[in-house]
Amino acid sequence: MNSTMPALDTVAEVRISGDGKECPVVITFPGKIDNLEFCNAYKNEINALVLQHGAVLLRGLPIGSAEAFNSLFSILAGEAMVYRNRTSPRDQVFRNVYTSTSHPSDQVIHMHTENSYSTTYNRIIAFYCLVPPVSGGETPIADERRLAAFLGPDILDVFRQKGIQYTRNTIPGIGLDWRTIYQTEDRLEVNRILEESGMEYKWISDDHLRVKWSLPAFQTHPITGEEVWFNHMYFGHRSLCDPNVLEFFDEEDLPFVTRYGDGTSIGDEVIRRFSDFYDQHSIVFRWEKDDLLLLDNMLFSHGRRAYKGKRTILTAMAQPITFQR
């Protein structure tokens, strides 16, 4: 911060929570403020809070549009990334700003860390509330460091030893098609992408592609150097699938499924431990117009609750990391 600038807590209310029951840091702006000037002046302080606490909610900035959100995000986190290797249906709104998801509003999106199934993932993710939902539609968040402590070494050591195996299938009428996932119409380009990522794949038909790969359950945070639980195992476990999908598809043909890295099944009793944690320790807040939530994606997971009516939450991701095998 420039030495001539007043301290952050003199221009905004900064509330830091340590109880794990509300957003770790909430910065509230009491009156009119210049968005760009503020973010330029205090980006270092805000990013330090994100790194320390994992989540910061900026409330009261007069943002108003996807374009303005993109500008603020670029100042705070750097240039927004293209959304590749997709798992969620999203609409591109402005440059690399997307709708958070186009999933049906009556469906819950389970807790996950963004792109943690991929060999290239993002450290930072942000959510911006353009149109708050009237009912429901919250974005629960959870500290994955607390998750690791909650699970204990008996569960974690198995994952540390075996890692996570992922299987994806593109089957017409269920989940995303391969053109959407890989953002290309060219099958040879898909082959190239998968081969460069070290993934096994098989074209079952022109539309059905099966991809299989394994990654560690833990990664090293690029700034703090700490080992963090970072994967897509919970989100992709078969027990969380729609029962109608499980009725008609074998596990090997599910759109997305996770197992231990050696290919063995992860027991439902293990998944219940994860569900218990998220039920007990997820932080849930009601979206307000122009809220901007910044997450360290390697420290905090997020999800979405079902809702009714209109809801427009935009997202952007930045600071890409490529896993080195």
C-alpha atoms as a PDB file:
ATOM      1  CA  MET A   1       0.000   0.000   0.000  1.00  0.00           C
ATOM      2  CA  ASN A   2       1.182   3.525  -0.774  1.00  0.00           C
ATOM      3  CA  SER A   3       2.316   5.181   2.456  1.00  0.00           C
ATOM      4  CA  THR A   4       0.042   8.152   1.735  1.00  0.00           C
ATOM      5  CA  MET A   5      -3.067   5.940   1.599  1.00  0.00           C
ATOM      6  CA  PRO A   6      -5.122   5.430   4.762  1.00  0.00           C
ATOM      7  CA  ALA A   7      -5.240   1.954   6.271  1.00  0.00           C
ATOM      8  CA  LEU A   8      -7.800  -0.445   4.817  1.00  0.00           C
ATOM      9  CA  ASP A   9      -9.811  -0.613   8.016  1.00  0.00           C
ATOM     10  CA  THR A  10     -10.244   3.172   7.995  1.00  0.00           C
ATOM     11  CA  VAL A  11     -11.994   3.262   4.605  1.00  0.00           C
ATOM     12  CA  ALA A  12     -14.049   0.103   5.068  1.00  0.00           C
ATOM     13  CA  GLU A  13     -15.321  -2.142   7.836  1.00  0.00           C
ATOM     14  CA  VAL A  14     -13.066  -5.210   8.016  1.00  0.00           C
ATOM     15  CA  ARG A  15     -14.542  -8.079  10.013  1.00  0.00           C
ATOM     16  CA  ILE A  16     -12.379 -11.162  10.543  1.00  0.00           C
ATOM     17  CA  SER A  17     -14.023 -14.315  11.858  1.00  0.00           C
ATOM     18  CA  GLY A  18     -12.058 -17.107  13.442  1.00  0.00           C
ATOM     19  CA  ASP A  19     -14.910 -19.394  14.450  1.00  0.00           C
ATOM     20  CA  GLY A  20     -15.436 -21.065  11.058  1.00  0.00           C
ATOM     21  CA  LYS A  21     -19.142 -20.216  11.124  1.00  0.00           C
ATOM     22  CA  GLU A  22     -19.137 -17.193   8.829  1.00  0.00           C
ATOM     23  CA  CYS A  23     -17.067 -15.951   5.933  1.00  0.00           C
ATOM     24  CA  PRO A  24     -13.486 -15.616   7.254  1.00  0.00           C
ATOM     25  CA  VAL A  25     -13.157 -11.971   6.153  1.00  0.00           C
ATOM     26  CA  VAL A  26     -15.932  -9.557   5.221  1.00  0.00           C
ATOM     27  CA  ILE A  27     -14.970  -6.100   3.950  1.00  0.00           C
ATOM     28  CA  THR A  28     -17.976  -3.777   3.868  1.00  0.00           C
ATOM     29  CA  PHE A  29     -17.994  -0.356   2.223  1.00  0.00           C
ATOM     30  CA  PRO A  30     -20.299   2.161   3.915  1.00  0.00           C
ATOM     31  CA  GLY A  31     -20.621   4.704   1.104  1.00  0.00           C
ATOM     32  CA  LYS A  32     -19.662   5.590  -2.456  1.00  0.00           C
ATOM     33  CA  ILE A  33     -16.204   4.519  -3.532  1.00  0.00           C
ATOM     34  CA  ASP A  34     -14.213   4.369  -6.737  1.00  0.00           C
ATOM     35  CA  ASN A  35     -13.895   0.645  -7.477  1.00  0.00           C
ATOM     36  CA  LEU A  36     -10.748   0.771  -9.568  1.00  0.00           C
ATOM     37  CA  GLU A  37      -8.976   3.269  -7.329  1.00  0.00           C
ATOM     38  CA  PHE A  38      -9.791   1.249  -4.233  1.00  0.00           C
ATOM     39  CA  CYS A  39      -8.668  -2.095  -5.685  1.00  0.00           C
ATOM     40  CA  ASN A  40      -5.458  -0.617  -7.047  1.00  0.00           C
ATOM     41  CA  ALA A  41      -4.666   0.923  -3.664  1.00  0.00           C
ATOM     42  CA  TYR A  42      -5.524  -2.084  -1.476  1.00  0.00           C
ATOM     43  CA  LYS A  43      -4.966  -5.146  -3.684  1.00  0.00           C
ATOM     44  CA  ASN A  44      -1.918  -6.242  -1.695  1.00  0.00           C
ATOM     45  CA  GLU A  45      -3.813  -6.085   1.612  1.00  0.00           C
ATOM     46  CA  ILE A  46      -6.803  -7.928   0.151  1.00  0.00           C
ATOM     47  CA  ASN A  47      -4.632 -10.642  -1.378  1.00  0.00           C
ATOM     48  CA  ALA A  48      -2.778 -11.067   1.904  1.00  0.00           C
ATOM     49  CA  LEU A  49      -6.123 -11.659   3.623  1.00  0.00           C
ATOM     50  CA  VAL A  50      -7.124 -14.200   0.949  1.00  0.00           C
ATOM     51  CA  LEU A  51      -3.841 -16.057   1.406  1.00  0.00           C
ATOM     52  CA  GLN A  52      -4.072 -16.058   5.199  1.00  0.00           C
ATOM     53  CA  HIS A  53      -7.781 -16.794   5.635  1.00  0.00           C
ATOM     54  CA  GLY A  54      -8.740 -18.418   2.324  1.00  0.00           C
ATOM     55  CA  ALA A  55     -11.878 -16.387   1.654  1.00  0.00           C
ATOM     56  CA  VAL A  56     -12.712 -12.675   1.490  1.00  0.00           C
ATOM     57  CA  LEU A  57     -16.150 -11.216   0.771  1.00  0.00           C
ATOM     58  CA  LEU A  58     -16.190  -7.664  -0.612  1.00  0.00           C
ATOM     59  CA  ARG A  59     -19.610  -6.135   0.062  1.00  0.00           C
ATOM     60  CA  GLY A  60     -20.957  -2.752  -1.031  1.00  0.00           C
ATOM     61  CA  LEU A  61     -18.767  -1.960  -4.040  1.00  0.00           C
ATOM     62  CA  PRO A  62     -20.892  -0.416  -6.833  1.00  0.00           C
ATOM     63  CA  ILE A  63     -19.770  -2.909  -9.503  1.00  0.00           C
ATOM     64  CA  GLY A  64     -22.909  -3.301 -11.589  1.00  0.00           C
ATOM     65  CA  SER A  65     -21.751  -5.332 -14.621  1.00  0.00           C
ATOM     66  CA  ALA A  66     -19.681  -8.219 -15.924  1.00  0.00           C
ATOM     67  CA  GLU A  67     -17.290  -5.737 -17.534  1.00  0.00           C
ATOM     68  CA  ALA A  68     -16.672  -3.946 -14.239  1.00  0.00           C
ATOM     69  CA  PHE A  69     -16.264  -7.266 -12.438  1.00  0.00           C
ATOM     70  CA  ASN A  70     -13.650  -8.300 -15.006  1.00  0.00           C
ATOM     71  CA  SER A  71     -11.743  -5.054 -14.460  1.00  0.00           C
ATOM     72  CA  LEU A  72     -11.712  -5.427 -10.675  1.00  0.00           C
ATOM     73  CA  PHE A  73     -10.797  -9.098 -10.859  1.00  0.00           C
ATOM     74  CA  SER A  74      -7.888  -8.354 -13.192  1.00  0.00           C
ATOM     75  CA  ILE A  75      -6.498  -5.847 -10.694  1.00  0.00           C
ATOM     76  CA  LEU A  76      -6.927  -8.127  -7.693  1.00  0.00           C
ATOM     77  CA  ALA A  77      -6.016 -11.515  -9.142  1.00  0.00           C
ATOM     78  CA  GLY A  78      -4.531 -11.030 -12.599  1.00  0.00           C
ATOM     79  CA  GLU A  79      -5.842 -11.895 -16.037  1.00  0.00           C
ATOM     80  CA  ALA A  80      -8.819 -14.242 -16.002  1.00  0.00           C
ATOM     81  CA  MET A  81      -8.246 -17.730 -17.425  1.00  0.00           C
ATOM     82  CA  VAL A  82     -10.099 -19.448 -20.239  1.00  0.00           C
ATOM     83  CA  TYR A  83     -12.339 -22.193 -18.843  1.00  0.00           C
ATOM     84  CA  ARG A  84     -10.970 -25.414 -20.372  1.00  0.00           C
ATOM     85  CA  ASN A  85     -11.483 -29.114 -19.625  1.00  0.00           C
ATOM     86  CA  ARG A  86     -14.984 -28.248 -18.464  1.00  0.00           C
ATOM     87  CA  THR A  87     -17.208 -30.153 -16.056  1.00  0.00           C
ATOM     88  CA  SER A  88     -19.963 -27.565 -15.600  1.00  0.00           C
ATOM     89  CA  PRO A  89     -22.193 -26.005 -18.261  1.00  0.00           C
ATOM     90  CA  ARG A  90     -21.372 -22.291 -18.364  1.00  0.00           C
ATOM     91  CA  ASP A  91     -22.097 -19.327 -20.588  1.00  0.00           C
ATOM     92  CA  GLN A  92     -19.328 -16.910 -21.485  1.00  0.00           C
ATOM     93  CA  VAL A  93     -20.531 -13.429 -20.565  1.00  0.00           C
ATOM     94  CA  PHE A  94     -17.578 -11.095 -21.117  1.00  0.00           C
ATOM     95  CA  ARG A  95     -14.061 -12.122 -22.105  1.00  0.00           C
ATOM     96  CA  ASN A  96     -13.153 -14.848 -19.580  1.00  0.00           C
ATOM     97  CA  VAL A  97     -16.026 -14.083 -17.223  1.00  0.00           C
ATOM     98  CA  TYR A  98     -18.627 -16.855 -17.152  1.00  0.00           C
ATOM     99  CA  THR A  99     -21.881 -17.690 -15.451  1.00  0.00           C
ATOM    100  CA  SER A 100     -20.959 -19.721 -12.376  1.00  0.00           C
ATOM    101  CA  THR A 101     -23.018 -22.597 -13.771  1.00  0.00           C
ATOM    102  CA  SER A 102     -26.007 -23.189 -16.020  1.00  0.00           C
ATOM    103  CA  HIS A 103     -26.998 -26.272 -14.025  1.00  0.00           C
ATOM    104  CA  PRO A 104     -30.780 -26.576 -13.429  1.00  0.00           C
ATOM    105  CA  SER A 105     -31.876 -24.426 -10.512  1.00  0.00           C
ATOM    106  CA  ASP A 106     -33.543 -27.291  -8.633  1.00  0.00           C
ATOM    107  CA  GLN A 107     -30.288 -29.241  -8.373  1.00  0.00           C
ATOM    108  CA  VAL A 108     -27.613 -28.994  -5.678  1.00  0.00           C
ATOM    109  CA  ILE A 109     -23.985 -28.695  -6.780  1.00  0.00           C
ATOM    110  CA  HIS A 110     -21.836 -30.590  -4.314  1.00  0.00           C
ATOM    111  CA  MET A 111     -18.767 -29.133  -2.664  1.00  0.00           C
ATOM    112  CA  HIS A 112     -15.600 -29.058  -4.749  1.00  0.00           C
ATOM    113  CA  THR A 113     -12.451 -27.118  -5.542  1.00  0.00           C
ATOM    114  CA  GLU A 114     -12.436 -25.773  -9.089  1.00  0.00           C
ATOM    115  CA  ASN A 115     -10.473 -27.707 -11.729  1.00  0.00           C
ATOM    116  CA  SER A 116      -8.874 -29.938  -9.098  1.00  0.00           C
ATOM    117  CA  TYR A 117      -9.421 -32.918 -11.427  1.00  0.00           C
ATOM    118  CA  SER A 118      -7.258 -31.252 -14.078  1.00  0.00           C
ATOM    119  CA  THR A 119      -3.513 -31.117 -14.654  1.00  0.00           C
ATOM    120  CA  THR A 120      -3.885 -27.323 -14.940  1.00  0.00           C
ATOM    121  CA  TYR A 121      -5.906 -25.610 -12.250  1.00  0.00           C
ATOM    122  CA  ASN A 122      -6.421 -22.145 -10.792  1.00  0.00           C
ATOM    123  CA  ARG A 123      -5.297 -20.856  -7.412  1.00  0.00           C
ATOM    124  CA  ILE A 124      -7.855 -18.039  -7.321  1.00  0.00           C
ATOM    125  CA  ILE A 125     -11.566 -18.110  -8.112  1.00  0.00           C
ATOM    126  CA  ALA A 126     -14.040 -15.266  -7.645  1.00  0.00           C
ATOM    127  CA  PHE A 127     -17.824 -15.084  -7.669  1.00  0.00           C
ATOM    128  CA  TYR A 128     -19.753 -11.896  -8.361  1.00  0.00           C
ATOM    129  CA  CYS A 129     -23.455 -11.438  -7.602  1.00  0.00           C
ATOM    130  CA  LEU A 130     -25.140  -9.551 -10.444  1.00  0.00           C
ATOM    131  CA  VAL A 131     -28.693 -10.706  -9.625  1.00  0.00           C
ATOM    132  CA  PRO A 132     -29.208 -12.139  -6.114  1.00  0.00           C
ATOM    133  CA  PRO A 133     -31.673 -15.019  -5.765  1.00  0.00           C
ATOM    134  CA  VAL A 134     -34.937 -14.352  -3.957  1.00  0.00           C
ATOM    135  CA  SER A 135     -34.906 -17.763  -2.335  1.00  0.00           C
ATOM    136  CA  GLY A 136     -32.038 -20.217  -1.906  1.00  0.00           C
ATOM    137  CA  GLY A 137     -29.118 -20.219  -4.338  1.00  0.00           C
ATOM    138  CA  GLU A 138     -26.438 -19.720  -1.691  1.00  0.00           C
ATOM    139  CA  THR A 139     -22.824 -20.606  -2.476  1.00  0.00           C
ATOM    140  CA  PRO A 140     -21.619 -22.553   0.566  1.00  0.00           C
ATOM    141  CA  ILE A 141     -17.872 -22.523   1.152  1.00  0.00           C
ATOM    142  CA  ALA A 142     -15.693 -24.680   3.384  1.00  0.00           C
ATOM    143  CA  ASP A 143     -12.105 -24.582   4.625  1.00  0.00           C
ATOM    144  CA  GLU A 144     -10.409 -27.714   3.272  1.00  0.00           C
ATOM    145  CA  ARG A 145      -7.739 -27.440   5.958  1.00  0.00           C
ATOM    146  CA  ARG A 146     -10.461 -28.013   8.549  1.00  0.00           C
ATOM    147  CA  LEU A 147     -11.679 -30.941   6.439  1.00  0.00           C
ATOM    148  CA  ALA A 148      -8.288 -32.626   6.650  1.00  0.00           C
ATOM    149  CA  ALA A 149      -8.270 -32.217  10.434  1.00  0.00           C
ATOM    150  CA  PHE A 150     -11.848 -33.539  10.648  1.00  0.00           C
ATOM    151  CA  LEU A 151     -11.150 -36.685   8.595  1.00  0.00           C
ATOM    152  CA  GLY A 152      -8.057 -37.764  10.491  1.00  0.00           C
ATOM    153  CA  PRO A 153      -4.994 -39.753   9.372  1.00  0.00           C
ATOM    154  CA  ASP A 154      -6.787 -43.115   9.002  1.00  0.00           C
ATOM    155  CA  ILE A 155      -8.680 -41.819   5.954  1.00  0.00           C
ATOM    156  CA  LEU A 156      -6.118 -39.355   4.647  1.00  0.00           C
ATOM    157  CA  ASP A 157      -3.183 -41.765   4.647  1.00  0.00           C
ATOM    158  CA  VAL A 158      -4.992 -44.096   2.236  1.00  0.00           C
ATOM    159  CA  PHE A 159      -5.637 -41.220  -0.170  1.00  0.00           C
ATOM    160  CA  ARG A 160      -2.073 -39.990   0.225  1.00  0.00           C
ATOM    161  CA  GLN A 161      -0.777 -43.435  -0.688  1.00  0.00           C
ATOM    162  CA  LYS A 162      -3.184 -44.248  -3.537  1.00  0.00           C
ATOM    163  CA  GLY A 163      -4.242 -40.889  -4.988  1.00  0.00           C
ATOM    164  CA  ILE A 164      -7.435 -40.397  -7.029  1.00  0.00           C
ATOM    165  CA  GLN A 165      -8.458 -42.027 -10.299  1.00  0.00           C
ATOM    166  CA  TYR A 166     -10.872 -40.102 -12.531  1.00  0.00           C
ATOM    167  CA  THR A 167     -13.019 -41.489 -15.359  1.00  0.00           C
ATOM    168  CA  ARG A 168     -15.043 -39.292 -17.737  1.00  0.00           C
ATOM    169  CA  ASN A 169     -17.514 -40.327 -20.420  1.00  0.00           C
ATOM    170  CA  THR A 170     -19.180 -38.202 -23.059  1.00  0.00           C
ATOM    171  CA  ILE A 171     -22.507 -39.862 -23.835  1.00  0.00           C
ATOM    172  CA  PRO A 172     -25.190 -37.966 -25.800  1.00  0.00           C
ATOM    173  CA  GLY A 173     -28.015 -36.757 -23.600  1.00  0.00           C
ATOM    174  CA  ILE A 174     -26.143 -36.899 -20.305  1.00  0.00           C
ATOM    175  CA  GLY A 175     -23.448 -34.535 -19.082  1.00  0.00           C
ATOM    176  CA  LEU A 176     -21.258 -32.394 -21.327  1.00  0.00           C
ATOM    177  CA  ASP A 177     -20.262 -33.486 -24.827  1.00  0.00           C
ATOM    178  CA  TRP A 178     -16.580 -33.639 -25.794  1.00  0.00           C
ATOM    179  CA  ARG A 179     -16.848 -30.519 -27.968  1.00  0.00           C
ATOM    180  CA  THR A 180     -17.960 -28.481 -24.963  1.00  0.00           C
ATOM    181  CA  ILE A 181     -15.449 -30.030 -22.574  1.00  0.00           C
ATOM    182  CA  TYR A 182     -12.429 -29.414 -24.788  1.00  0.00           C
ATOM    183  CA  GLN A 183     -13.713 -26.372 -26.697  1.00  0.00           C
ATOM    184  CA  THR A 184     -12.945 -27.786 -30.148  1.00  0.00           C
ATOM    185  CA  GLU A 185     -14.708 -29.570 -33.023  1.00  0.00           C
ATOM    186  CA  ASP A 186     -11.547 -31.495 -33.950  1.00  0.00           C
ATOM    187  CA  ARG A 187     -11.129 -35.020 -32.554  1.00  0.00           C
ATOM    188  CA  LEU A 188      -7.419 -34.959 -33.369  1.00  0.00           C
ATOM    189  CA  GLU A 189      -7.060 -31.834 -31.254  1.00  0.00           C
ATOM    190  CA  VAL A 190      -8.791 -33.635 -28.393  1.00  0.00           C
ATOM    191  CA  ASN A 191      -6.337 -36.521 -28.790  1.00  0.00           C
ATOM    192  CA  ARG A 192      -3.440 -34.077 -28.635  1.00  0.00           C
ATOM    193  CA  ILE A 193      -4.775 -32.393 -25.480  1.00  0.00           C
ATOM    194  CA  LEU A 194      -5.253 -35.719 -23.716  1.00  0.00           C
ATOM    195  CA  GLU A 195      -1.879 -37.103 -24.742  1.00  0.00           C
ATOM    196  CA  GLU A 196      -0.079 -33.966 -23.585  1.00  0.00           C
ATOM    197  CA  SER A 197      -1.857 -34.307 -20.232  1.00  0.00           C
ATOM    198  CA  GLY A 198      -0.830 -37.933 -19.883  1.00  0.00           C
ATOM    199  CA  MET A 199      -4.406 -39.241 -19.935  1.00  0.00           C
ATOM    200  CA  GLU A 200      -5.612 -42.594 -21.247  1.00  0.00           C
ATOM    201  CA  TYR A 201      -8.516 -42.359 -23.670  1.00  0.00           C
ATOM    202  CA  LYS A 202     -10.683 -44.452 -25.960  1.00  0.00           C
ATOM    203  CA  TRP A 203     -13.210 -43.398 -28.575  1.00  0.00           C
ATOM    204  CA  ILE A 204     -16.144 -45.754 -27.999  1.00  0.00           C
ATOM    205  CA  SER A 205     -18.023 -44.007 -30.819  1.00  0.00           C
ATOM    206  CA  ASP A 206     -17.954 -40.637 -32.582  1.00  0.00           C
ATOM    207  CA  ASP A 207     -19.754 -39.083 -29.605  1.00  0.00           C
ATOM    208  CA  HIS A 208     -18.679 -41.333 -26.746  1.00  0.00           C
ATOM    209  CA  LEU A 209     -15.179 -40.641 -25.467  1.00  0.00           C
ATOM    210  CA  ARG A 210     -13.889 -42.345 -22.324  1.00  0.00           C
ATOM    211  CA  VAL A 211     -10.941 -40.731 -20.543  1.00  0.00           C
ATOM    212  CA  LYS A 212      -9.112 -42.067 -17.495  1.00  0.00           C
ATOM    213  CA  TRP A 213      -6.294 -40.544 -15.434  1.00  0.00           C
ATOM    214  CA  SER A 214      -4.907 -40.405 -11.907  1.00  0.00           C
ATOM    215  CA  LEU A 215      -3.648 -37.525  -9.772  1.00  0.00           C
ATOM    216  CA  PRO A 216      -2.477 -37.118  -6.174  1.00  0.00           C
ATOM    217  CA  ALA A 217      -5.082 -36.385  -3.516  1.00  0.00           C
ATOM    218  CA  PHE A 218      -2.817 -33.650  -2.124  1.00  0.00           C
ATOM    219  CA  GLN A 219      -0.987 -30.791  -3.788  1.00  0.00           C
ATOM    220  CA  THR A 220       1.554 -28.252  -2.545  1.00  0.00           C
ATOM    221  CA  HIS A 221       0.308 -24.700  -2.208  1.00  0.00           C
ATOM    222  CA  PRO A 222       2.514 -22.595  -4.525  1.00  0.00           C
ATOM    223  CA  ILE A 223       2.929 -19.714  -2.070  1.00  0.00           C
ATOM    224  CA  THR A 224       2.770 -21.157   1.437  1.00  0.00           C
ATOM    225  CA  GLY A 225       4.398 -24.482   0.552  1.00  0.00           C
ATOM    226  CA  GLU A 226       1.910 -26.366   2.734  1.00  0.00           C
ATOM    227  CA  GLU A 227       0.449 -29.702   1.705  1.00  0.00           C
ATOM    228  CA  VAL A 228      -3.279 -29.217   0.976  1.00  0.00           C
ATOM    229  CA  TRP A 229      -6.135 -31.611   0.264  1.00  0.00           C
ATOM    230  CA  PHE A 230      -6.926 -30.737  -3.352  1.00  0.00           C
ATOM    231  CA  ASN A 231      -8.917 -33.036  -5.628  1.00  0.00           C
ATOM    232  CA  HIS A 232     -12.348 -33.701  -7.116  1.00  0.00           C
ATOM    233  CA  MET A 233     -12.961 -37.015  -5.379  1.00  0.00           C
ATOM    234  CA  TYR A 234     -16.037 -36.082  -3.348  1.00  0.00           C
ATOM    235  CA  PHE A 235     -17.795 -34.302  -6.205  1.00  0.00           C
ATOM    236  CA  GLY A 236     -17.339 -37.259  -8.552  1.00  0.00           C
ATOM    237  CA  HIS A 237     -18.193 -40.130  -6.222  1.00  0.00           C
ATOM    238  CA  ARG A 238     -20.954 -42.409  -7.527  1.00  0.00           C
ATOM    239  CA  SER A 239     -23.002 -42.098  -4.309  1.00  0.00           C
ATOM    240  CA  LEU A 240     -23.665 -38.419  -5.108  1.00  0.00           C
ATOM    241  CA  CYS A 241     -24.954 -39.134  -8.624  1.00  0.00           C
ATOM    242  CA  ASP A 242     -28.586 -38.699  -9.581  1.00  0.00           C
ATOM    243  CA  PRO A 243     -30.307 -42.049  -8.790  1.00  0.00           C
ATOM    244  CA  ASN A 244     -31.939 -41.978 -12.240  1.00  0.00           C
ATOM    245  CA  VAL A 245     -28.479 -41.880 -13.827  1.00  0.00           C
ATOM    246  CA  LEU A 246     -27.223 -44.752 -11.663  1.00  0.00           C
ATOM    247  CA  GLU A 247     -30.237 -46.818 -12.680  1.00  0.00           C
ATOM    248  CA  PHE A 248     -29.444 -46.678 -16.392  1.00  0.00           C
ATOM    249  CA  PHE A 249     -25.630 -46.511 -16.551  1.00  0.00           C
ATOM    250  CA  ASP A 250     -22.888 -48.807 -15.378  1.00  0.00           C
ATOM    251  CA  GLU A 251     -20.287 -47.089 -13.226  1.00  0.00           C
ATOM    252  CA  GLU A 252     -17.719 -47.282 -16.032  1.00  0.00           C
ATOM    253  CA  ASP A 253     -20.060 -45.217 -18.245  1.00  0.00           C
ATOM    254  CA  LEU A 254     -21.003 -42.507 -15.752  1.00  0.00           C
ATOM    255  CA  PRO A 255     -20.233 -38.952 -16.965  1.00  0.00           C
ATOM    256  CA  PHE A 256     -17.721 -38.473 -14.139  1.00  0.00           C
ATOM    257  CA  VAL A 257     -16.668 -40.968 -11.497  1.00  0.00           C
ATOM    258  CA  THR A 258     -13.858 -41.162  -8.955  1.00  0.00           C
ATOM    259  CA  ARG A 259     -12.060 -44.085  -7.329  1.00  0.00           C
ATOM    260  CA  TYR A 260      -8.836 -44.621  -5.444  1.00  0.00           C
ATOM    261  CA  GLY A 261      -5.819 -44.240  -7.690  1.00  0.00           C
ATOM    262  CA  ASP A 262      -5.383 -48.016  -7.958  1.00  0.00           C
ATOM    263  CA  GLY A 263      -8.903 -48.325  -9.404  1.00  0.00           C
ATOM    264  CA  THR A 264     -10.558 -49.705  -6.259  1.00  0.00           C
ATOM    265  CA  SER A 265     -13.844 -48.260  -5.015  1.00  0.00           C
ATOM    266  CA  ILE A 266     -14.027 -45.622  -2.306  1.00  0.00           C
ATOM    267  CA  GLY A 267     -16.498 -46.870   0.286  1.00  0.00           C
ATOM    268  CA  ASP A 268     -19.726 -45.048   1.021  1.00  0.00           C
ATOM    269  CA  GLU A 269     -18.733 -44.885   4.702  1.00  0.00           C
ATOM    270  CA  VAL A 270     -15.743 -42.732   3.719  1.00  0.00           C
ATOM    271  CA  ILE A 271     -17.969 -40.412   1.696  1.00  0.00           C
ATOM    272  CA  ARG A 272     -20.301 -40.055   4.679  1.00  0.00           C
ATOM    273  CA  ARG A 273     -17.404 -38.585   6.645  1.00  0.00           C
ATOM    274  CA  PHE A 274     -16.969 -35.941   3.970  1.00  0.00           C
ATOM    275  CA  SER A 275     -20.705 -35.255   3.892  1.00  0.00           C
ATOM    276  CA  ASP A 276     -20.764 -34.922   7.682  1.00  0.00           C
ATOM    277  CA  PHE A 277     -17.998 -32.336   7.511  1.00  0.00           C
ATOM    278  CA  TYR A 278     -19.707 -30.259   4.829  1.00  0.00           C
ATOM    279  CA  ASP A 279     -23.052 -30.472   6.647  1.00  0.00           C
ATOM    280  CA  GLN A 280     -21.476 -29.284   9.895  1.00  0.00           C
ATOM    281  CA  HIS A 281     -18.807 -26.851   8.737  1.00  0.00           C
ATOM    282  CA  SER A 282     -19.894 -25.224   5.487  1.00  0.00           C
ATOM    283  CA  ILE A 283     -20.211 -21.455   5.693  1.00  0.00           C
ATOM    284  CA  VAL A 284     -23.441 -20.186   4.150  1.00  0.00           C
ATOM    285  CA  PHE A 285     -24.370 -16.557   3.515  1.00  0.00           C
ATOM    286  CA  ARG A 286     -27.124 -14.855   1.539  1.00  0.00           C
ATOM    287  CA  TRP A 287     -25.979 -13.169  -1.649  1.00  0.00           C
ATOM    288  CA  GLU A 288     -26.459  -9.405  -1.874  1.00  0.00           C
ATOM    289  CA  LYS A 289     -26.320  -7.359  -5.052  1.00  0.00           C
ATOM    290  CA  ASP A 290     -22.683  -6.592  -6.059  1.00  0.00           C
ATOM    291  CA  ASP A 291     -21.119  -9.020  -3.564  1.00  0.00           C
ATOM    292  CA  LEU A 292     -17.684 -10.170  -4.732  1.00  0.00           C
ATOM    293  CA  LEU A 293     -16.302 -13.334  -3.125  1.00  0.00           C
ATOM    294  CA  LEU A 294     -12.592 -14.111  -3.522  1.00  0.00           C
ATOM    295  CA  LEU A 295     -11.427 -17.641  -2.696  1.00  0.00           C
ATOM    296  CA  ASP A 296      -8.049 -19.294  -2.571  1.00  0.00           C
ATOM    297  CA  ASN A 297      -9.222 -22.298  -4.576  1.00  0.00           C
ATOM    298  CA  MET A 298      -6.603 -24.551  -3.014  1.00  0.00           C
ATOM    299  CA  LEU A 299      -7.805 -23.755   0.511  1.00  0.00           C
ATOM    300  CA  PHE A 300     -11.581 -23.361   0.159  1.00  0.00           C
ATOM    301  CA  SER A 301     -14.176 -25.503  -1.590  1.00  0.00           C
ATOM    302  CA  HIS A 302     -17.550 -24.231  -2.769  1.00  0.00           C
ATOM    303  CA  GLY A 303     -20.919 -25.525  -3.977  1.00  0.00           C
ATOM    304  CA  ARG A 304     -24.395 -24.259  -4.799  1.00  0.00           C
ATOM    305  CA  ARG A 305     -27.773 -24.714  -3.200  1.00  0.00           C
ATOM    306  CA  ALA A 306     -30.978 -25.053  -5.177  1.00  0.00           C
ATOM    307  CA  TYR A 307     -33.039 -21.916  -5.755  1.00  0.00           C
ATOM    308  CA  LYS A 308     -36.184 -20.485  -7.301  1.00  0.00           C
ATOM    309  CA  GLY A 309     -36.547 -17.485  -9.590  1.00  0.00           C
ATOM    310  CA  LYS A 310     -33.719 -15.514 -11.151  1.00  0.00           C
ATOM    311  CA  ARG A 311     -30.112 -15.775 -10.057  1.00  0.00           C
ATOM    312  CA  THR A 312     -27.006 -14.501 -11.842  1.00  0.00           C
ATOM    313  CA  ILE A 313     -23.681 -15.262 -10.207  1.00  0.00           C
ATOM    314  CA  LEU A 314     -20.642 -14.713 -12.428  1.00  0.00           C
ATOM    315  CA  THR A 315     -17.227 -16.274 -11.988  1.00  0.00           C
ATOM    316  CA  ALA A 316     -13.634 -15.761 -13.057  1.00  0.00           C
ATOM    317  CA  MET A 317     -10.479 -17.770 -12.376  1.00  0.00           C
ATOM    318  CA  ALA A 318      -6.806 -16.777 -12.346  1.00  0.00           C
ATOM    319  CA  GLN A 319      -3.245 -17.746 -11.439  1.00  0.00           C
ATOM    320  CA  PRO A 320      -2.969 -21.063 -13.319  1.00  0.00           C
ATOM    321  CA  ILE A 321      -0.796 -23.888 -11.980  1.00  0.00           C
ATOM    322  CA  THR A 322       0.267 -26.901 -14.030  1.00  0.00           C
ATOM    323  CA  PHE A 323       0.852 -30.109 -12.133  1.00  0.00           C
ATOM    324  CA  GLN A 324       4.246 -31.626 -12.858  1.00  0.00           C
ATOM    325  CA  ARG A 325       4.209 -35.426 -12.833  1.00  0.00           C
END
